[in-house]
Amino acid sequence: NIVYAVSVEKLIPRVILGVFKAQRNILLFWNHGGGPVDGFGKNEWGRDTECLTLNEMTSAFESCDITFDIIGMDCCLMSSLETCYALYNYCDYTILSENFESSIGWYYTNFINALCENTSIDSYQLGKLIVDDMVSKNAEDSENGGSGTLALIDERYIPNLYRAWKNYAYANESDLLHSNYSRTVKKSSRAKVNSMENYYVTDIMALASSLYSEESKPLIAQLKKAIAYYDCTENCQGLTGMSITLPYNDRAYYYNLKKIFIECGFDKGYITWLYKFVTDANNAKQYSFTEFDETW
């Protein structure tokens, strides 16, 4: 009996994989998020080294040889250009939050029912449903939610967005170095910190619109292509869906960033350029987005 059981155990996965191989793949991460450098699985009691970082994700995806329709992250602060660039080769869409998520997070009931009723539902329509439900459920429940942002990102446009960002960033280097463009946000029940500047992430659209130059227009155009759908609760309207990482005055953070970004395929010239935010931005002051919020 034992021998027979072992034989069946070996056989069943082969049958399942050979005959019933999935025609589409969706991968969801649920837990805390720490942004594109700290990664997924950050928590208040563990060590940062215990997180699953972007380079570890890409290494795993490379070895499993699966392309996903959607990679979604039901966790804080993961909607960044760096996250999207790292995942570009492994999925058609990402669904990510630029802000802190509340204890409600995503609402799973409707989109899982929709997927059960129609397993061939278009990925864009499924992603739009996830975004709409997450935002509406957080808006309805002020006690446990009250705040939420979520973006459905079309990964096809991420390489062009990365190039447009670099053109913009290099052209506006002096202004970027001398003002810290992080946006302060409210503390959520999922995060122990009070503001985004602890993670050095900044809304890209806010940068391109507030610090305007001739490179802003192509950057904004590429950003609008990449963000296929976006929604947020009323109190998050200063955020527009995707951030960028600028490591102001933090050498240790930069060296963590450097290893992760190199292994995710970022060019070394750009990573070297980011070091200027450690060495040349010593007098950077917090930038206010009040005017941008009012006009957005």
Protein backbone atom coordinates (compact mmCIF):
# COMPACT_ATOMS: atom_id res chain seq x y z
CA ASN A 1 0.00 0.00 0.00
CA ILE A 2 2.80 2.37 0.82
CA VAL A 3 4.52 1.73 -2.49
CA TYR A 4 1.23 2.19 -4.34
CA ALA A 5 0.52 5.47 -2.55
CA VAL A 6 3.95 6.83 -3.45
CA SER A 7 3.40 5.88 -7.09
CA VAL A 8 0.05 7.65 -7.22
CA GLU A 9 1.52 10.66 -5.45
CA LYS A 10 4.15 10.95 -8.17
CA LEU A 11 1.67 10.34 -10.97
CA ILE A 12 -1.12 12.76 -10.05
CA PRO A 13 0.87 16.02 -10.41
CA ARG A 14 2.04 14.87 -13.86
CA VAL A 15 -1.54 14.17 -14.94
CA ILE A 16 -2.79 17.47 -13.57
CA LEU A 17 0.02 19.48 -15.18
CA GLY A 18 -0.19 17.61 -18.46
CA VAL A 19 -3.98 17.53 -18.95
CA PHE A 20 -5.31 20.37 -16.84
CA LYS A 21 -2.57 22.96 -17.23
CA ALA A 22 -3.91 26.43 -16.40
CA GLN A 23 -4.65 28.64 -19.38
CA ARG A 24 -4.10 31.76 -17.30
CA ASN A 25 -2.22 32.55 -14.10
CA ILE A 26 -2.92 35.21 -11.48
CA LEU A 27 -0.64 35.72 -8.48
CA LEU A 28 -1.68 37.74 -5.42
CA PHE A 29 0.51 38.84 -2.50
CA TRP A 30 -1.27 39.62 0.77
CA ASN A 31 0.50 41.02 3.83
CA HIS A 32 2.48 44.15 4.68
CA GLY A 33 4.40 46.05 2.03
CA GLY A 34 7.50 48.15 2.57
CA GLY A 35 7.95 49.80 -0.82
CA PRO A 36 10.26 48.80 -3.68
CA VAL A 37 13.37 48.47 -1.48
CA ASP A 38 12.06 46.78 1.69
CA GLY A 39 9.69 44.67 -0.41
CA PHE A 40 6.87 42.35 0.60
CA GLY A 41 6.19 40.85 4.03
CA LYS A 42 7.51 43.72 6.16
CA ASN A 43 6.07 43.67 9.67
CA GLU A 44 6.43 45.50 12.93
CA TRP A 45 8.04 42.62 14.84
CA GLY A 46 10.32 41.04 12.28
CA ARG A 47 13.58 42.18 10.75
CA ASP A 48 13.76 43.97 7.40
CA THR A 49 16.05 41.20 6.14
CA GLU A 50 13.14 38.77 6.43
CA CYS A 51 11.18 40.57 3.68
CA LEU A 52 10.79 39.18 0.18
CA THR A 53 12.58 41.75 -1.97
CA LEU A 54 12.03 42.51 -5.66
CA ASN A 55 15.24 40.78 -6.75
CA GLU A 56 14.22 37.64 -4.86
CA MET A 57 10.84 37.74 -6.60
CA THR A 58 12.37 38.08 -10.06
CA SER A 59 14.78 35.23 -9.33
CA ALA A 60 11.85 32.98 -8.41
CA PHE A 61 9.81 34.02 -11.45
CA GLU A 62 12.79 33.39 -13.72
CA SER A 63 13.15 29.85 -12.44
CA CYS A 64 9.46 28.88 -12.61
CA ASP A 65 8.94 29.85 -16.29
CA ILE A 66 5.39 31.15 -15.83
CA THR A 67 3.94 34.36 -17.23
CA PHE A 68 1.06 35.79 -15.23
CA ASP A 69 -2.00 37.62 -16.51
CA ILE A 70 -1.98 39.68 -13.32
CA ILE A 71 0.40 40.07 -10.38
CA GLY A 72 -1.42 41.89 -7.60
CA MET A 73 -0.14 43.08 -4.24
CA ASP A 74 -2.67 43.65 -1.50
CA CYS A 75 -0.21 45.58 0.63
CA CYS A 76 1.18 49.07 1.23
CA LEU A 77 3.44 51.24 -0.92
CA MET A 78 4.24 48.82 -3.77
CA SER A 79 2.98 50.87 -6.73
CA SER A 80 6.30 52.24 -7.90
CA LEU A 81 8.13 52.39 -11.21
CA GLU A 82 10.79 50.13 -9.70
CA THR A 83 8.25 47.41 -8.80
CA CYS A 84 6.67 47.56 -12.25
CA TYR A 85 10.03 47.49 -14.01
CA ALA A 86 11.15 44.46 -12.00
CA LEU A 87 7.95 42.57 -12.88
CA TYR A 88 7.82 43.60 -16.55
CA ASN A 89 8.95 40.24 -17.98
CA TYR A 90 6.57 38.18 -15.87
CA CYS A 91 3.06 39.60 -16.23
CA ASP A 92 0.65 41.56 -18.43
CA TYR A 93 -0.79 43.70 -15.62
CA THR A 94 0.09 44.62 -12.07
CA ILE A 95 -2.38 45.86 -9.45
CA LEU A 96 -0.60 47.94 -6.80
CA SER A 97 -1.20 50.56 -4.11
CA GLU A 98 0.92 53.70 -4.00
CA ASN A 99 -0.26 54.60 -0.51
CA PHE A 100 -0.61 52.83 2.81
CA GLU A 101 -3.50 50.35 2.78
CA SER A 102 -6.05 50.16 5.57
CA SER A 103 -6.91 47.02 7.54
CA ILE A 104 -9.67 46.37 4.97
CA GLY A 105 -7.31 46.09 2.03
CA TRP A 106 -8.84 44.54 -1.07
CA TYR A 107 -12.41 43.23 -1.27
CA TYR A 108 -12.22 39.71 -2.68
CA THR A 109 -15.83 38.55 -2.95
CA ASN A 110 -16.94 40.22 -6.16
CA PHE A 111 -13.89 39.60 -8.31
CA ILE A 112 -13.57 35.95 -7.26
CA ASN A 113 -17.26 35.41 -8.06
CA ALA A 114 -16.76 37.12 -11.42
CA LEU A 115 -13.78 34.87 -12.15
CA CYS A 116 -15.78 31.77 -11.17
CA GLU A 117 -18.67 32.77 -13.43
CA ASN A 118 -16.38 33.54 -16.37
CA THR A 119 -12.86 32.17 -16.17
CA SER A 120 -12.05 33.95 -19.45
CA ILE A 121 -12.98 37.40 -18.14
CA ASP A 122 -10.72 40.05 -19.64
CA SER A 123 -7.80 40.91 -17.35
CA TYR A 124 -8.49 44.63 -17.67
CA GLN A 125 -12.13 44.18 -16.63
CA LEU A 126 -11.14 41.93 -13.73
CA GLY A 127 -8.50 44.43 -12.59
CA LYS A 128 -10.94 47.33 -12.86
CA LEU A 129 -13.39 45.44 -10.64
CA ILE A 130 -10.67 44.87 -8.04
CA VAL A 131 -9.74 48.57 -8.03
CA ASP A 132 -13.35 49.80 -7.83
CA ASP A 133 -14.29 47.44 -5.01
CA MET A 134 -11.18 48.19 -2.97
CA VAL A 135 -11.76 51.94 -3.13
CA SER A 136 -15.54 51.81 -2.56
CA LYS A 137 -15.29 49.44 0.42
CA ASN A 138 -12.65 51.65 2.06
CA ALA A 139 -14.73 54.77 1.43
CA GLU A 140 -17.81 53.13 2.99
CA ASP A 141 -16.07 51.97 6.18
CA SER A 142 -14.43 54.94 7.88
CA GLU A 143 -13.67 52.97 11.05
CA ASN A 144 -11.56 50.23 9.47
CA GLY A 145 -10.81 51.87 6.14
CA GLY A 146 -11.41 55.45 5.05
CA SER A 147 -8.34 55.67 2.83
CA GLY A 148 -7.28 53.78 -0.26
CA THR A 149 -5.54 53.99 -3.63
CA LEU A 150 -5.16 51.27 -6.24
CA ALA A 151 -3.79 51.23 -9.80
CA LEU A 152 -4.16 48.72 -12.62
CA ILE A 153 -0.90 49.03 -14.56
CA ASP A 154 -0.32 47.87 -18.14
CA GLU A 155 3.19 46.46 -18.07
CA ARG A 156 3.69 46.88 -21.84
CA TYR A 157 4.40 50.58 -21.35
CA ILE A 158 6.83 50.32 -18.43
CA PRO A 159 10.13 50.31 -20.43
CA ASN A 160 9.08 53.51 -22.24
CA LEU A 161 8.00 55.05 -18.95
CA TYR A 162 11.37 54.21 -17.40
CA ARG A 163 13.20 55.92 -20.29
CA ALA A 164 10.92 58.98 -20.07
CA TRP A 165 11.52 59.17 -16.31
CA LYS A 166 15.31 59.07 -16.73
CA ASN A 167 15.21 61.84 -19.35
CA TYR A 168 13.12 63.96 -17.02
CA ALA A 169 15.18 63.17 -13.92
CA TYR A 170 18.55 63.93 -15.51
CA ALA A 171 17.27 67.19 -17.00
CA ASN A 172 15.88 68.33 -13.62
CA GLU A 173 18.67 66.98 -11.45
CA SER A 174 19.49 70.22 -9.65
CA ASP A 175 15.90 70.91 -8.57
CA LEU A 176 15.32 67.30 -7.53
CA LEU A 177 18.45 67.25 -5.40
CA HIS A 178 17.65 70.45 -3.54
CA SER A 179 14.05 69.71 -2.55
CA ASN A 180 12.72 66.57 -0.92
CA TYR A 181 9.57 65.86 -2.91
CA SER A 182 8.17 63.19 -0.57
CA ARG A 183 4.51 63.58 0.37
CA THR A 184 3.38 63.26 4.00
CA VAL A 185 0.45 60.90 4.50
CA LYS A 186 -1.62 59.77 7.47
CA LYS A 187 -0.64 56.76 9.52
CA SER A 188 -2.70 53.66 8.78
CA SER A 189 -3.41 50.67 10.98
CA ARG A 190 -1.02 48.62 8.86
CA ALA A 191 2.02 50.85 9.22
CA LYS A 192 4.02 52.15 12.17
CA VAL A 193 5.43 55.12 10.27
CA ASN A 194 3.78 58.47 9.64
CA SER A 195 4.93 59.50 6.21
CA MET A 196 6.13 58.38 2.84
CA GLU A 197 9.50 60.06 3.20
CA ASN A 198 10.55 57.15 5.44
CA TYR A 199 10.42 55.07 2.25
CA TYR A 200 11.71 57.83 -0.07
CA VAL A 201 8.84 57.36 -2.54
CA THR A 202 7.33 60.29 -4.44
CA ASP A 203 4.32 60.50 -6.77
CA ILE A 204 5.62 60.71 -10.36
CA MET A 205 2.72 62.74 -11.76
CA ALA A 206 3.04 65.25 -8.94
CA LEU A 207 6.72 65.67 -9.72
CA ALA A 208 6.16 66.08 -13.45
CA SER A 209 3.37 68.62 -12.87
CA SER A 210 4.92 70.59 -10.02
CA LEU A 211 8.49 70.67 -11.32
CA TYR A 212 7.54 71.30 -14.94
CA SER A 213 10.00 71.24 -17.83
CA GLU A 214 9.98 70.24 -21.50
CA GLU A 215 10.61 66.64 -20.40
CA SER A 216 7.40 66.65 -18.33
CA LYS A 217 5.06 66.24 -21.29
CA PRO A 218 6.48 62.91 -22.60
CA LEU A 219 6.78 61.63 -19.03
CA ILE A 220 3.13 62.42 -18.29
CA ALA A 221 2.07 60.85 -21.62
CA GLN A 222 3.88 57.59 -20.85
CA LEU A 223 2.52 57.54 -17.31
CA LYS A 224 -1.05 57.87 -18.59
CA LYS A 225 -0.47 54.94 -20.96
CA ALA A 226 1.00 52.75 -18.23
CA ILE A 227 -1.74 53.38 -15.66
CA ALA A 228 -4.62 51.61 -17.37
CA TYR A 229 -7.06 52.37 -14.55
CA TYR A 230 -6.80 54.14 -11.21
CA ASP A 231 -9.07 55.19 -8.38
CA CYS A 232 -8.69 56.46 -4.83
CA THR A 233 -10.75 57.65 -1.90
CA GLU A 234 -11.39 61.39 -1.69
CA ASN A 235 -8.70 62.03 0.90
CA CYS A 236 -5.99 60.56 -1.39
CA GLN A 237 -6.63 62.68 -4.47
CA GLY A 238 -3.14 64.19 -4.32
CA LEU A 239 -1.80 60.77 -5.33
CA THR A 240 -2.13 59.57 -8.92
CA GLY A 241 -1.11 55.92 -9.01
CA MET A 242 2.66 55.42 -9.18
CA SER A 243 5.73 56.58 -7.28
CA ILE A 244 9.49 56.78 -7.83
CA THR A 245 12.26 56.22 -5.27
CA LEU A 246 14.73 59.03 -4.46
CA PRO A 247 16.91 58.06 -1.45
CA TYR A 248 17.50 61.46 0.19
CA ASN A 249 20.37 61.51 2.71
CA ASP A 250 20.26 57.81 3.57
CA ARG A 251 23.42 55.90 2.70
CA ALA A 252 22.30 52.58 4.19
CA TYR A 253 19.02 52.71 2.30
CA TYR A 254 20.89 53.45 -0.93
CA TYR A 255 23.17 50.42 -0.59
CA ASN A 256 20.15 48.17 -0.03
CA LEU A 257 18.53 49.77 -3.07
CA LYS A 258 21.66 49.35 -5.19
CA LYS A 259 21.90 45.56 -4.82
CA ILE A 260 18.19 45.01 -5.38
CA PHE A 261 17.87 47.30 -8.41
CA ILE A 262 20.98 45.92 -10.14
CA GLU A 263 19.66 42.37 -9.82
CA CYS A 264 16.28 43.55 -11.18
CA GLY A 265 17.91 44.82 -14.37
CA PHE A 266 18.16 48.58 -13.79
CA ASP A 267 21.10 50.08 -15.65
CA LYS A 268 24.14 50.89 -13.52
CA GLY A 269 24.33 54.45 -14.81
CA TYR A 270 20.94 55.28 -13.30
CA ILE A 271 21.77 53.55 -10.02
CA THR A 272 25.04 55.50 -9.82
CA TRP A 273 23.08 58.70 -10.47
CA LEU A 274 20.78 57.94 -7.52
CA TYR A 275 23.81 58.10 -5.21
CA LYS A 276 23.76 61.87 -5.67
CA PHE A 277 20.68 61.96 -3.45
CA VAL A 278 22.85 60.62 -0.64
CA THR A 279 25.87 62.87 -1.17
CA ASP A 280 24.51 66.08 -2.74
CA ALA A 281 21.09 66.48 -1.10
CA ASN A 282 22.17 67.22 2.46
CA ASN A 283 20.12 70.39 2.68
CA ALA A 284 16.98 69.06 0.97
CA LYS A 285 13.79 70.42 2.50
CA GLN A 286 10.37 68.80 2.63
CA TYR A 287 8.24 69.92 -0.32
CA SER A 288 4.57 70.82 0.12
CA PHE A 289 2.01 69.42 -2.29
CA THR A 290 -0.79 71.72 -1.09
CA GLU A 291 -0.91 73.68 -4.32
CA PHE A 292 -0.75 70.53 -6.44
CA ASP A 293 -3.60 68.95 -4.46
CA GLU A 294 -5.81 71.98 -4.98
CA THR A 295 -5.28 72.10 -8.73
CA TRP A 296 -5.27 68.36 -9.47
